[in-house]
């Protein structure tokens, strides 16, 4: 892509080059002498970039696309008309009058118009800034639409009809854009689009608040399709969320504290899974892990889960306020009691090398269930990455408002029901874990 504009600093730097006739933030005009030098040097085999750089131009500033276009234009003109084709004939052929120096009255009038526009712009943040947003002295970015409104209000208030071009120039907007904005057809189109956006906003909020769980753009798209039979483009959803400040949660990384081995009896098992997580067979690969939960007034609990790697369904979980071996063994007990779980042939349970999973008691119980056991390599979190649904869980579940362990357990129970049955997932063909599990069983 070509560089469309120069910065003020780049304009000042380019203007010092003797081969630059004029330069603005949008364009650069070269001298006829440089064009002749370029043609002569180009015929010897030098590239356009080399010629520009040897004559004091920074190609990174000008842009290689702009350089190549100028080279093509000059070669074509030289082949057609010779040296005369390289002359700048715009001033001779243009019907526009030569730019004259403004009179004192005209300069004063422009200065007054600029002051009035700046005054109106300084008052704008008080109207558009939301309460409590930003800090004192922080510059508020004014959109092109707001600039058009400012220019129109200043022109109407102070009768400055002959100042449209000047006010647009100092505001950094185009005059054609201003006239297009104030036209009646444009106003009708904006009103029509605003009505359409309000309808979109209503539907998106309906999905956003579905089941009382926070959602991002992808979750909203899948919930609209799965629950309300409404299909919106993902970019449209993100545009509406940005326009109306519908903010989705941002997951922040939590530190992982590796547990020390409690005795020499603990044994680490090899990595049998080798990151082959998605085998499209329910009950074939089970992933397990533990996370900590802060709730209430600084209270701490622990959550152990077992997840089906193929369907992302949470098959069993256990909550405790103590980090004991019972936390994981009780999770296995609940897995055994889950009537919906059917182990596939060669089923394995995969975990990290935490002390709970290297425990002889845990490994013995795993064998009793008829499962194989696999472990991630030491210090390699990617070997168990799909188990990490905890980040989304902590964003979407209401953990901190819980005051007691019983309230926490109830919230986790409600969330697990929501997650398995109603939380659509992009990588599960936009189905919920339970829907995808039934889908895999049907196509098997």
Foldseek 3Di string as FASTA:
>chain_A
DFDQFADPVVLVVVVVQPQWPHDDRGDTHGALVLLVVQVVVVVVPDDLVVSCVVSPDDCVRRPVVNSVVVVVCSVVQCVVPNSVSSHDCCVVPDPDDDDDDDDPVVVVVLVVLVVQLVVLVVCVCVPPPDPPPDDPPDDDDDDPLNLLVSLVVSCVVVVPVVCLCVSCVVVVHDSVVSVCCPDPVNVVVVVVVVVVLVVVLVLLVCQCCVVHWHDDLVQSQLLCCPPVVDHDDSVSSVVSCVVVVVDGDDFDDDDDDAADAPDPQFDADAAPCQLVQAPLAWQAEKEKDKDKFAAAPRQIKMKIFIARSNLRATQFMAIGSDPDLCRVVVRLVSNVVRPVRDHDPQHAYEYESHNSCRDPVNVVSCVVVVHHYGYDDPPDCSSRVSVPPVRVVVRTFPGHHDNDPVSNVVSVVSVSCCQQQPRFDVVLVSHGSVVSNVVSVVVD
